[in-house]
Amino acid sequence: MKKQTHLAGLCGLAMLCGHAAQAQDAGFTWEAEIEIGVDSTVSSDDPTAEFSDLYLSIEAAFEAAITDRITAFGGLTLESVTDPTDDRSFDDLGLYVNELGLRFAFGETLVSVGKLSPVFGVAWDDAPGYYGTSLSGDYELAEMIGLTVDTPLGADGTLSIAVFYADNSVLSDSIGNRRGRNSVAAGGVGNTGKLNNIALQFSREFGATTAWVGARHLAAGTGDVSDENGVVAGLAHDFGNGWDIIGEMAHFSGAGGTAADATYSTLGATYVLDQWSFSGTGTVVNTSGAGRDKMLALGIDRQITDNSEINFGLARFDVGGVKSTAVGLAAVVSF
């Protein structure tokens, strides 16, 4: 059954690519990325955590112009929808919709409605290296139902505002390996079924430097003891000599709906030399009453062609008092 799901996902992507090529001139655009890799915990204080995950991930996204001001958008993901607990090879694959909706243009202001990913922070996506986003990914906002507004402020600034709740529609489930439909009863901050969660972020470019600040409020869900309120600030700079850096700090009170506060600090640097990229990223998470989690990661990326690359990563984790070392290798092809 899982092999059939894998083949179905590949066939679906091929069909999407074919239709996109035919419709390109009609205002239909698409992009896709295929990643095949292995992520191995080679040593750990917890011997049961020492295993390898040989994985496949496919993401495809489209935009289709309906009128000169209205655009439909959407995205599909095929990946393992459960966390591994032992050695795994291309298992637990499920296909799901990660975005789907309509976007309206009012001059330079864009209003998006549907299933979407509100903007909050950058490090969860842009921290460099194979493992660079491993801890900062905790505060990514994805698969939300709601509305976002992106509008320019000044010559080089953008303000993003979103109201939303965690997707509890049929789109929250997957086909193939079922991850199950989300419900309000499942709990978790932001999983309220109401548009009572908000995120906003302002970013601005200063030449080769980009800075951003943001805030968010996630209402308590079933079983939570607190709302979560968060703030984030960050900076990225390209030195123009092959070096660039990114730094971000995010603080949360009532983190994850608990009574604890948590502060994430991430710093990353990349050096590009011809087709090679060398990176280092460190993240520290201070949680009140629970101590400190840490990650230090090194990455080497090799550009093979304009749309393909090989990524290698080595990371040392100290999470929940358990120290571990992970090694990862992936091939990525984009279209």
Protein backbone atom coordinates (compact mmCIF):
# COMPACT_ATOMS: atom_id res chain seq x y z
CA MET A 1 0.00 0.00 0.00
CA LYS A 2 2.79 2.43 0.89
CA LYS A 3 4.63 1.70 -2.36
CA GLN A 4 1.43 2.40 -4.26
CA THR A 5 1.11 5.72 -2.46
CA HIS A 6 4.66 6.59 -3.46
CA LEU A 7 3.92 5.82 -7.12
CA ALA A 8 0.63 7.67 -6.98
CA GLY A 9 2.39 10.76 -5.68
CA LEU A 10 5.01 10.62 -8.41
CA CYS A 11 2.34 10.16 -11.09
CA GLY A 12 0.33 13.03 -9.67
CA LEU A 13 3.36 15.30 -9.77
CA ALA A 14 4.09 14.28 -13.36
CA MET A 15 0.49 15.07 -14.34
CA LEU A 16 0.72 18.44 -12.60
CA CYS A 17 3.94 19.23 -14.45
CA GLY A 18 2.42 18.25 -17.79
CA HIS A 19 -0.73 20.32 -17.30
CA ALA A 20 1.35 23.27 -16.07
CA ALA A 21 3.52 23.24 -19.18
CA GLN A 22 0.43 23.30 -21.38
CA ALA A 23 -1.22 26.10 -19.40
CA GLN A 24 1.83 28.32 -18.82
CA ASP A 25 0.72 30.84 -21.45
CA ALA A 26 -2.76 30.97 -19.93
CA GLY A 27 -1.51 32.40 -16.64
CA PHE A 28 -0.72 29.10 -14.90
CA THR A 29 2.68 28.75 -13.22
CA TRP A 30 4.07 25.95 -11.10
CA GLU A 31 7.18 24.88 -9.27
CA ALA A 32 8.23 21.65 -7.60
CA GLU A 33 11.04 20.19 -5.53
CA ILE A 34 12.04 16.57 -5.00
CA GLU A 35 14.34 15.61 -2.13
CA ILE A 36 15.72 12.14 -1.45
CA GLY A 37 17.96 11.72 1.56
CA VAL A 38 18.98 9.92 4.69
CA ASP A 39 18.91 11.36 8.21
CA SER A 40 20.80 9.26 10.78
CA THR A 41 21.23 9.65 14.52
CA VAL A 42 24.59 7.94 14.83
CA SER A 43 25.03 8.30 18.59
CA SER A 44 22.78 9.27 21.49
CA ASP A 45 22.51 9.09 25.26
CA ASP A 46 19.24 7.30 24.47
CA PRO A 47 20.18 4.15 22.47
CA THR A 48 16.59 3.75 21.20
CA ALA A 49 17.02 7.03 19.29
CA GLU A 50 19.89 5.68 17.18
CA PHE A 51 18.33 4.92 13.80
CA SER A 52 18.30 6.07 10.17
CA ASP A 53 15.46 7.49 8.11
CA LEU A 54 15.78 7.06 4.34
CA TYR A 55 13.16 9.50 3.10
CA LEU A 56 11.46 11.03 0.10
CA SER A 57 9.84 14.47 0.02
CA ILE A 58 8.05 16.04 -2.93
CA GLU A 59 6.51 19.52 -2.87
CA ALA A 60 4.60 21.13 -5.72
CA ALA A 61 2.95 24.55 -5.82
CA PHE A 62 0.90 26.43 -8.42
CA GLU A 63 -0.62 29.80 -9.13
CA ALA A 64 -3.39 30.33 -11.68
CA ALA A 65 -4.59 33.76 -12.77
CA ILE A 66 -8.38 33.95 -12.78
CA THR A 67 -8.54 37.66 -13.59
CA ASP A 68 -5.92 40.40 -13.61
CA ARG A 69 -6.56 40.85 -9.85
CA ILE A 70 -7.55 37.38 -8.63
CA THR A 71 -5.22 34.39 -8.45
CA ALA A 72 -5.80 30.85 -7.22
CA PHE A 73 -2.91 29.22 -5.39
CA GLY A 74 -2.19 25.86 -3.88
CA GLY A 75 0.43 23.37 -2.84
CA LEU A 76 0.81 19.61 -2.35
CA THR A 77 3.30 17.72 -0.21
CA LEU A 78 4.20 14.04 -0.33
CA GLU A 79 6.32 12.97 2.63
CA SER A 80 6.45 10.68 5.66
CA VAL A 81 3.67 12.05 7.86
CA THR A 82 4.81 10.38 11.09
CA ASP A 83 8.10 10.67 12.98
CA PRO A 84 10.40 7.65 12.75
CA THR A 85 10.90 5.45 15.81
CA ASP A 86 13.24 2.92 14.19
CA ASP A 87 15.12 2.44 10.91
CA ARG A 88 12.80 3.45 8.07
CA SER A 89 13.03 3.43 4.26
CA PHE A 90 10.50 5.45 2.24
CA ASP A 91 7.76 4.50 4.68
CA ASP A 92 4.65 6.22 6.11
CA LEU A 93 4.25 8.37 2.98
CA GLY A 94 1.16 10.56 2.83
CA LEU A 95 -0.01 13.18 0.34
CA TYR A 96 -1.69 16.32 1.66
CA VAL A 97 -2.63 19.87 0.71
CA ASN A 98 -0.41 22.41 2.47
CA GLU A 99 -1.93 25.51 0.86
CA LEU A 100 -5.08 26.28 -1.13
CA GLY A 101 -6.92 29.53 -1.64
CA LEU A 102 -7.48 32.76 -3.53
CA ARG A 103 -5.30 35.86 -3.65
CA PHE A 104 -6.68 39.33 -4.43
CA ALA A 105 -4.53 42.24 -5.61
CA PHE A 106 -5.46 45.78 -4.61
CA GLY A 107 -2.67 47.76 -6.17
CA GLU A 108 0.48 46.49 -4.46
CA THR A 109 -1.48 45.07 -1.51
CA LEU A 110 -2.19 41.33 -1.62
CA VAL A 111 -5.00 39.69 0.36
CA SER A 112 -4.96 35.88 0.57
CA VAL A 113 -7.83 33.73 1.84
CA GLY A 114 -7.87 29.97 2.43
CA LYS A 115 -5.37 27.46 3.77
CA LEU A 116 -2.08 29.30 4.09
CA SER A 117 1.15 29.91 6.03
CA PRO A 118 1.15 33.16 8.07
CA VAL A 119 4.44 35.05 8.32
CA PHE A 120 6.26 34.96 11.65
CA GLY A 121 10.03 34.86 11.84
CA VAL A 122 12.50 33.75 9.19
CA ALA A 123 15.04 31.42 10.81
CA TRP A 124 12.68 28.42 10.71
CA ASP A 125 13.09 28.52 6.91
CA ASP A 126 16.29 30.45 6.16
CA ALA A 127 18.80 29.29 8.78
CA PRO A 128 21.52 27.68 6.64
CA GLY A 129 22.56 24.06 6.40
CA TYR A 130 20.91 20.65 6.40
CA TYR A 131 20.07 20.86 10.12
CA GLY A 132 19.98 24.65 10.43
CA THR A 133 16.21 24.89 11.01
CA SER A 134 15.90 21.89 13.34
CA LEU A 135 15.02 23.81 16.52
CA SER A 136 13.77 27.14 15.16
CA GLY A 137 11.26 25.14 13.11
CA ASP A 138 9.29 24.78 16.35
CA TYR A 139 7.64 28.16 15.80
CA GLU A 140 6.79 27.92 12.11
CA LEU A 141 3.15 28.75 11.30
CA ALA A 142 1.82 26.44 8.59
CA GLU A 143 -1.43 24.83 7.45
CA MET A 144 -3.68 27.53 8.88
CA ILE A 145 -7.16 28.58 7.76
CA GLY A 146 -7.57 32.32 7.57
CA LEU A 147 -6.66 35.55 5.86
CA THR A 148 -3.37 37.34 5.28
CA VAL A 149 -2.63 40.86 4.09
CA ASP A 150 0.78 41.83 2.66
CA THR A 151 1.24 45.49 1.91
CA PRO A 152 4.28 47.67 1.15
CA LEU A 153 5.29 50.33 3.66
CA GLY A 154 7.80 52.76 2.28
CA ALA A 155 10.15 51.99 -0.59
CA ASP A 156 11.70 48.83 0.85
CA GLY A 157 9.37 47.71 3.64
CA THR A 158 6.56 45.14 3.81
CA LEU A 159 3.92 44.64 6.50
CA SER A 160 2.27 41.21 6.80
CA ILE A 161 -0.83 40.66 8.94
CA ALA A 162 -2.73 37.39 9.42
CA VAL A 163 -5.78 36.13 11.31
CA PHE A 164 -6.22 32.37 11.38
CA TYR A 165 -6.71 29.06 13.17
CA ALA A 166 -5.18 25.61 12.69
CA ASP A 167 -6.74 23.76 9.75
CA ASN A 168 -9.44 21.38 11.00
CA SER A 169 -11.06 20.75 7.62
CA VAL A 170 -10.82 17.59 5.52
CA LEU A 171 -7.61 19.10 4.08
CA SER A 172 -5.85 18.48 7.41
CA ASP A 173 -5.83 14.73 6.68
CA SER A 174 -3.64 12.96 4.14
CA ILE A 175 -4.15 10.19 1.62
CA GLY A 176 -1.99 7.10 1.50
CA ASN A 177 -0.65 6.93 5.03
CA ARG A 178 -3.34 8.74 7.04
CA ARG A 179 -2.19 11.31 9.56
CA GLY A 180 -5.80 11.83 10.67
CA ARG A 181 -8.08 14.83 10.45
CA ASN A 182 -7.40 17.58 12.97
CA SER A 183 -10.15 18.68 15.35
CA VAL A 184 -10.54 21.40 17.97
CA ALA A 185 -10.80 18.64 20.57
CA ALA A 186 -7.17 17.69 19.82
CA GLY A 187 -6.07 20.90 21.57
CA GLY A 188 -2.98 22.99 21.06
CA VAL A 189 -2.57 26.76 20.85
CA GLY A 190 -4.10 28.22 17.72
CA ASN A 191 -6.29 25.14 17.21
CA THR A 192 -9.48 26.95 18.13
CA GLY A 193 -11.70 26.81 15.05
CA LYS A 194 -12.03 30.59 15.37
CA LEU A 195 -10.23 33.53 13.80
CA ASN A 196 -8.89 34.58 17.19
CA ASN A 197 -5.20 34.09 16.40
CA ILE A 198 -3.10 36.84 14.87
CA ALA A 199 0.42 37.30 13.53
CA LEU A 200 2.08 40.40 12.15
CA GLN A 201 5.54 41.14 10.86
CA PHE A 202 7.34 44.12 9.34
CA SER A 203 10.44 43.62 7.24
CA ARG A 204 12.65 46.14 5.50
CA GLU A 205 15.72 46.08 3.30
CA PHE A 206 18.66 48.43 3.84
CA GLY A 207 20.86 47.73 0.86
CA ALA A 208 22.47 44.35 1.53
CA THR A 209 20.80 44.10 4.95
CA THR A 210 17.30 42.89 5.74
CA ALA A 211 15.70 43.36 9.16
CA TRP A 212 12.38 42.18 10.54
CA VAL A 213 10.27 42.37 13.70
CA GLY A 214 7.06 40.53 14.43
CA ALA A 215 4.53 39.48 17.03
CA ARG A 216 1.85 36.84 17.37
CA HIS A 217 -1.00 35.73 19.63
CA LEU A 218 -2.18 32.12 19.64
CA ALA A 219 -5.29 31.52 21.73
CA ALA A 220 -5.34 28.58 24.14
CA GLY A 221 -6.83 25.40 22.76
CA THR A 222 -8.50 22.50 24.53
CA GLY A 223 -6.40 21.46 27.52
CA ASP A 224 -4.02 24.42 27.36
CA VAL A 225 -3.36 26.46 30.49
CA SER A 226 -2.39 29.67 28.72
CA ASP A 227 -2.54 31.65 25.51
CA GLU A 228 0.80 31.96 23.75
CA ASN A 229 2.20 35.42 22.98
CA GLY A 230 5.39 35.77 20.98
CA VAL A 231 7.73 38.38 19.58
CA VAL A 232 10.53 37.96 17.07
CA ALA A 233 13.34 40.12 15.67
CA GLY A 234 16.08 39.30 13.21
CA LEU A 235 18.70 40.51 10.78
CA ALA A 236 20.35 39.11 7.66
CA HIS A 237 23.31 40.63 5.81
CA ASP A 238 25.18 39.77 2.61
CA PHE A 239 28.78 40.99 2.81
CA GLY A 240 29.22 40.69 -0.97
CA ASN A 241 32.42 38.63 -0.66
CA GLY A 242 30.85 35.18 -0.37
CA TRP A 243 29.87 35.59 3.27
CA ASP A 244 26.37 36.16 4.61
CA ILE A 245 24.89 35.87 8.09
CA ILE A 246 21.49 35.57 9.72
CA GLY A 247 20.51 36.11 13.34
CA GLU A 248 17.10 35.83 14.96
CA MET A 249 15.64 35.84 18.46
CA ALA A 250 12.08 34.80 19.33
CA HIS A 251 10.50 34.91 22.78
CA PHE A 252 7.24 33.24 23.82
CA SER A 253 5.23 33.58 27.01
CA GLY A 254 2.85 30.72 27.60
CA ALA A 255 4.96 28.72 25.13
CA GLY A 256 2.91 25.99 23.51
CA GLY A 257 -0.03 26.73 25.79
CA THR A 258 1.95 25.93 28.95
CA ALA A 259 2.89 28.14 31.88
CA ALA A 260 6.50 28.31 30.65
CA ASP A 261 8.38 31.01 28.77
CA ALA A 262 10.76 30.07 25.95
CA THR A 263 13.42 32.06 24.11
CA TYR A 264 14.97 30.87 20.84
CA SER A 265 18.28 32.39 19.69
CA THR A 266 19.63 31.41 16.27
CA LEU A 267 22.81 32.53 14.52
CA GLY A 268 23.96 31.22 11.16
CA ALA A 269 26.71 32.02 8.63
CA THR A 270 27.36 30.85 5.08
CA TYR A 271 30.41 31.11 2.83
CA VAL A 272 29.93 30.48 -0.89
CA LEU A 273 32.90 29.47 -3.05
CA ASP A 274 32.07 28.66 -6.67
CA GLN A 275 29.57 25.75 -6.52
CA TRP A 276 30.24 25.05 -2.84
CA SER A 277 28.47 26.48 0.21
CA PHE A 278 29.85 26.01 3.74
CA SER A 279 27.63 26.89 6.68
CA GLY A 280 27.39 26.81 10.43
CA THR A 281 24.29 27.38 12.56
CA GLY A 282 23.72 27.40 16.29
CA THR A 283 20.40 27.56 18.13
CA VAL A 284 19.82 27.82 21.87
CA VAL A 285 16.38 27.41 23.45
CA ASN A 286 15.94 28.58 27.05
CA THR A 287 12.70 27.33 28.60
CA SER A 288 11.73 28.38 32.09
CA GLY A 289 11.61 25.41 34.43
CA ALA A 290 12.96 23.04 31.79
CA GLY A 291 16.53 24.17 31.20
CA ARG A 292 18.34 24.78 27.93
CA ASP A 293 18.29 22.93 24.60
CA LYS A 294 21.13 23.44 22.14
CA MET A 295 22.05 22.60 18.58
CA LEU A 296 25.27 23.21 16.66
CA ALA A 297 25.20 22.26 12.98
CA LEU A 298 27.68 22.31 10.11
CA GLY A 299 26.65 22.04 6.47
CA ILE A 300 28.26 21.57 3.06
CA ASP A 301 26.18 22.04 -0.09
CA ARG A 302 27.34 21.36 -3.64
CA GLN A 303 25.51 22.87 -6.61
CA ILE A 304 25.44 20.28 -9.39
CA THR A 305 23.34 22.10 -11.99
CA ASP A 306 21.14 25.19 -11.95
CA ASN A 307 18.32 23.13 -10.45
CA SER A 308 20.04 20.35 -8.51
CA GLU A 309 22.31 20.13 -5.48
CA ILE A 310 23.72 17.77 -2.86
CA ASN A 311 23.39 18.72 0.83
CA PHE A 312 25.43 17.27 3.71
CA GLY A 313 24.97 18.06 7.37
CA LEU A 314 26.46 17.20 10.74
CA ALA A 315 24.79 18.29 13.97
CA ARG A 316 25.22 17.96 17.71
CA PHE A 317 22.02 18.19 19.77
CA ASP A 318 21.41 18.56 23.49
CA VAL A 319 17.61 18.40 23.85
CA GLY A 320 15.83 17.54 27.09
CA GLY A 321 19.16 16.58 28.63
CA VAL A 322 19.79 13.96 25.91
CA LYS A 323 22.90 14.53 23.80
CA SER A 324 23.01 13.12 20.29
CA THR A 325 24.90 13.40 17.00
CA ALA A 326 23.16 13.32 13.62
CA VAL A 327 24.46 13.06 10.05
CA GLY A 328 22.36 13.81 6.98
CA LEU A 329 22.78 13.65 3.21
CA ALA A 330 20.26 14.64 0.56
CA ALA A 331 19.91 15.18 -3.19
CA VAL A 332 17.51 17.99 -4.15
CA VAL A 333 16.10 18.70 -7.61
CA SER A 334 13.85 21.68 -8.31
CA PHE A 335 11.69 22.50 -11.33
